[in-house]
Amino acid sequence: MNLGSQKNFVALYATCIYGSTSLNDWFVGEYPKHCRTKLDMGKGCIRFKKLDDIPYELIGQLAAKLTVQQWIDICENVFKK
């Protein structure tokens, strides 16, 4: 996960969402419970127009959902030689 400040928004780059459909579905379902704004999401990034709109608790839950070893396993399965 990484935060990036762009010209018109703050982006949370969470490639774990792109790598796991179940995690993606969970996040999309939980987002409206934590925010009033519409979800602005790409494949691996989530965009926020205002800093006050960032759901820090939800991002913390997202980070806790996937261990480092699970992420390594996903990457190794995708990039098998």
Protein backbone atom coordinates (compact mmCIF):
# COMPACT_ATOMS: atom_id res chain seq x y z
CA MET A 1 0.00 0.00 0.00
CA ASN A 2 1.11 3.49 -0.77
CA LEU A 3 -0.34 7.00 -0.65
CA GLY A 4 0.25 9.43 -3.48
CA SER A 5 -0.68 13.08 -3.74
CA GLN A 6 -1.87 13.93 -7.24
CA LYS A 7 -3.01 17.28 -8.61
CA ASN A 8 -6.74 16.79 -8.02
CA PHE A 9 -6.88 13.92 -5.53
CA VAL A 10 -5.04 11.75 -3.03
CA ALA A 11 -4.59 8.19 -4.23
CA LEU A 12 -4.28 5.07 -2.12
CA TYR A 13 -2.47 2.48 -4.20
CA ALA A 14 -3.61 -0.89 -2.87
CA THR A 15 -2.60 -3.57 -5.32
CA CYS A 16 -3.88 -6.20 -2.89
CA ILE A 17 -7.39 -5.26 -4.06
CA TYR A 18 -6.40 -5.90 -7.67
CA GLY A 19 -4.82 -9.26 -6.81
CA SER A 20 -7.72 -10.67 -4.82
CA THR A 21 -11.32 -10.62 -6.05
CA SER A 22 -12.71 -11.54 -2.62
CA LEU A 23 -10.82 -8.64 -1.03
CA ASN A 24 -12.06 -6.32 -3.77
CA ASP A 25 -15.66 -7.41 -3.22
CA TRP A 26 -15.30 -6.94 0.53
CA PHE A 27 -13.87 -3.43 0.14
CA VAL A 28 -16.55 -2.32 -2.35
CA GLY A 29 -19.24 -3.59 0.03
CA GLU A 30 -17.76 -1.95 3.13
CA TYR A 31 -16.92 1.42 1.59
CA PRO A 32 -20.46 2.89 1.70
CA LYS A 33 -20.68 2.06 5.41
CA HIS A 34 -17.67 4.31 6.12
CA CYS A 35 -18.05 7.13 3.57
CA ARG A 36 -20.78 9.33 2.18
CA THR A 37 -18.97 9.92 -1.10
CA LYS A 38 -19.13 7.65 -4.12
CA LEU A 39 -16.27 5.17 -4.48
CA ASP A 40 -13.74 6.38 -7.08
CA MET A 41 -11.58 3.34 -7.75
CA GLY A 42 -9.35 2.04 -10.51
CA LYS A 43 -7.80 -1.42 -10.73
CA GLY A 44 -5.37 -0.92 -7.87
CA CYS A 45 -5.98 2.63 -6.67
CA ILE A 46 -8.64 4.40 -4.67
CA ARG A 47 -8.98 8.15 -5.21
CA PHE A 48 -10.11 10.69 -2.60
CA LYS A 49 -10.88 14.31 -3.50
CA LYS A 50 -10.62 15.60 0.08
CA LEU A 51 -8.45 14.45 2.97
CA ASP A 52 -11.51 14.48 5.23
CA ASP A 53 -13.11 11.79 3.01
CA ILE A 54 -10.40 9.18 3.66
CA PRO A 55 -11.80 6.27 5.74
CA TYR A 56 -8.72 5.53 7.85
CA GLU A 57 -10.41 2.78 9.86
CA LEU A 58 -11.48 0.96 6.69
CA ILE A 59 -7.97 1.26 5.23
CA GLY A 60 -6.59 -0.23 8.45
CA GLN A 61 -8.99 -3.15 8.15
CA LEU A 62 -7.96 -3.62 4.52
CA ALA A 63 -4.28 -3.70 5.48
CA ALA A 64 -4.98 -6.30 8.17
CA LYS A 65 -6.94 -8.60 5.83
CA LEU A 66 -3.90 -9.80 3.87
CA THR A 67 -0.66 -11.04 5.40
CA VAL A 68 2.70 -10.57 3.74
CA GLN A 69 2.94 -14.31 3.06
CA GLN A 70 -0.50 -14.35 1.40
CA TRP A 71 0.57 -11.47 -0.86
CA ILE A 72 3.81 -13.29 -1.76
CA ASP A 73 1.81 -16.41 -2.63
CA ILE A 74 -0.50 -14.40 -4.91
CA CYS A 75 2.46 -12.80 -6.69
CA GLU A 76 4.27 -16.11 -7.11
CA ASN A 77 1.17 -17.71 -8.61
CA VAL A 78 0.67 -14.83 -11.05
CA PHE A 79 4.32 -14.58 -12.09
CA LYS A 80 5.25 -18.26 -12.33
CA LYS A 81 8.27 -18.90 -14.52
